[in-house]
Amino acid sequence: MLVWNHLKKMANVLGKTIYQLKHQLSSKYLVSELKYQTIKMTVI
């Protein structure tokens, strides 16, 4: 609930919906994770 409330406040400030903000944040995270992986994977 705490995170949802924070997202709601941030979305309100930015003039977006909660879902637009969540999508934008997750998209940025996925792009950065694909460019600079935090967990290295090894092919066996």
N, C-alpha and C. Protein backbone atom coordinates (compact mmCIF):
# COMPACT_ATOMS: atom_id res chain seq x y z
N MET A 1 0.82 -1.20 0.00
CA MET A 1 0.00 0.00 0.00
C MET A 1 0.85 1.26 0.00
N LEU A 2 1.97 1.22 0.71
CA LEU A 2 2.83 2.39 0.80
C LEU A 2 3.38 2.79 -0.56
N VAL A 3 3.81 1.80 -1.34
CA VAL A 3 4.35 2.08 -2.67
C VAL A 3 3.26 2.63 -3.58
N TRP A 4 2.08 2.04 -3.50
CA TRP A 4 0.96 2.47 -4.34
C TRP A 4 0.61 3.93 -4.04
N ASN A 5 0.59 4.29 -2.76
CA ASN A 5 0.30 5.68 -2.38
C ASN A 5 1.36 6.64 -2.91
N HIS A 6 2.61 6.21 -2.85
CA HIS A 6 3.70 7.05 -3.37
C HIS A 6 3.56 7.21 -4.88
N LEU A 7 3.25 6.11 -5.58
CA LEU A 7 3.05 6.20 -7.03
C LEU A 7 1.90 7.13 -7.36
N LYS A 8 0.85 7.08 -6.58
CA LYS A 8 -0.32 7.93 -6.80
C LYS A 8 0.06 9.40 -6.66
N LYS A 9 0.85 9.73 -5.64
CA LYS A 9 1.27 11.12 -5.43
C LYS A 9 2.18 11.58 -6.56
N MET A 10 3.14 10.73 -6.95
CA MET A 10 4.06 11.09 -8.02
C MET A 10 3.33 11.28 -9.34
N ALA A 11 2.39 10.39 -9.63
CA ALA A 11 1.60 10.49 -10.87
C ALA A 11 0.80 11.79 -10.87
N ASN A 12 0.26 12.14 -9.74
CA ASN A 12 -0.51 13.37 -9.61
C ASN A 12 0.37 14.59 -9.90
N VAL A 13 1.57 14.58 -9.36
CA VAL A 13 2.50 15.70 -9.56
C VAL A 13 2.90 15.81 -11.03
N LEU A 14 3.12 14.65 -11.68
CA LEU A 14 3.57 14.65 -13.07
C LEU A 14 2.42 14.76 -14.07
N GLY A 15 1.19 14.68 -13.59
CA GLY A 15 0.04 14.79 -14.48
C GLY A 15 -0.19 13.54 -15.31
N LYS A 16 0.15 12.39 -14.75
CA LYS A 16 -0.04 11.11 -15.44
C LYS A 16 -0.90 10.20 -14.59
N THR A 17 -1.30 9.07 -15.17
CA THR A 17 -2.01 8.07 -14.37
C THR A 17 -0.98 7.19 -13.67
N ILE A 18 -1.42 6.47 -12.68
CA ILE A 18 -0.53 5.55 -11.96
C ILE A 18 0.03 4.50 -12.93
N TYR A 19 -0.81 4.03 -13.82
CA TYR A 19 -0.39 2.98 -14.75
C TYR A 19 0.63 3.49 -15.76
N GLN A 20 0.48 4.73 -16.22
CA GLN A 20 1.48 5.32 -17.12
C GLN A 20 2.82 5.45 -16.42
N LEU A 21 2.80 5.91 -15.18
CA LEU A 21 4.02 6.08 -14.42
C LEU A 21 4.69 4.74 -14.15
N LYS A 22 3.89 3.75 -13.76
CA LYS A 22 4.43 2.41 -13.48
C LYS A 22 5.05 1.82 -14.74
N HIS A 23 4.39 1.99 -15.87
CA HIS A 23 4.90 1.47 -17.14
C HIS A 23 6.21 2.16 -17.51
N GLN A 24 6.26 3.46 -17.33
CA GLN A 24 7.46 4.23 -17.66
C GLN A 24 8.63 3.78 -16.78
N LEU A 25 8.38 3.61 -15.49
CA LEU A 25 9.45 3.19 -14.58
C LEU A 25 9.94 1.79 -14.91
N SER A 26 9.01 0.87 -15.17
CA SER A 26 9.42 -0.50 -15.47
C SER A 26 10.14 -0.57 -16.81
N SER A 27 9.74 0.24 -17.79
CA SER A 27 10.41 0.25 -19.08
C SER A 27 11.86 0.72 -18.93
N LYS A 28 12.05 1.80 -18.19
CA LYS A 28 13.41 2.30 -17.97
C LYS A 28 14.27 1.26 -17.25
N TYR A 29 13.67 0.57 -16.28
CA TYR A 29 14.40 -0.45 -15.54
C TYR A 29 14.80 -1.60 -16.47
N LEU A 30 13.87 -2.06 -17.30
CA LEU A 30 14.17 -3.17 -18.21
C LEU A 30 15.26 -2.81 -19.21
N VAL A 31 15.20 -1.61 -19.76
CA VAL A 31 16.22 -1.17 -20.71
C VAL A 31 17.58 -1.12 -20.04
N SER A 32 17.65 -0.55 -18.86
CA SER A 32 18.95 -0.46 -18.17
C SER A 32 19.46 -1.83 -17.76
N GLU A 33 18.57 -2.73 -17.40
CA GLU A 33 18.96 -4.09 -17.01
C GLU A 33 19.48 -4.87 -18.22
N LEU A 34 18.90 -4.65 -19.39
CA LEU A 34 19.39 -5.32 -20.59
C LEU A 34 20.75 -4.77 -21.02
N LYS A 35 20.96 -3.48 -20.83
CA LYS A 35 22.25 -2.88 -21.20
C LYS A 35 23.34 -3.27 -20.21
N TYR A 36 23.04 -3.18 -18.92
CA TYR A 36 24.03 -3.40 -17.86
C TYR A 36 23.45 -4.40 -16.86
N GLN A 37 23.61 -5.67 -17.12
CA GLN A 37 23.03 -6.71 -16.29
C GLN A 37 23.64 -6.72 -14.90
N THR A 38 22.80 -6.80 -13.88
CA THR A 38 23.31 -6.88 -12.52
C THR A 38 23.59 -8.32 -12.12
N ILE A 39 22.90 -9.27 -12.77
CA ILE A 39 23.14 -10.68 -12.50
C ILE A 39 23.69 -11.29 -13.79
N LYS A 40 24.94 -11.72 -13.73
CA LYS A 40 25.58 -12.32 -14.90
C LYS A 40 25.11 -13.76 -15.04
N MET A 41 24.80 -14.14 -16.28
CA MET A 41 24.35 -15.50 -16.56
C MET A 41 25.42 -16.23 -17.36
N THR A 42 25.56 -17.52 -17.08
CA THR A 42 26.53 -18.34 -17.78
C THR A 42 25.82 -19.47 -18.49
N VAL A 43 26.21 -19.71 -19.73
CA VAL A 43 25.62 -20.81 -20.49
C VAL A 43 26.36 -22.08 -20.10
N ILE A 44 25.57 -23.09 -19.77
CA ILE A 44 26.18 -24.36 -19.34
C ILE A 44 26.17 -25.35 -20.50
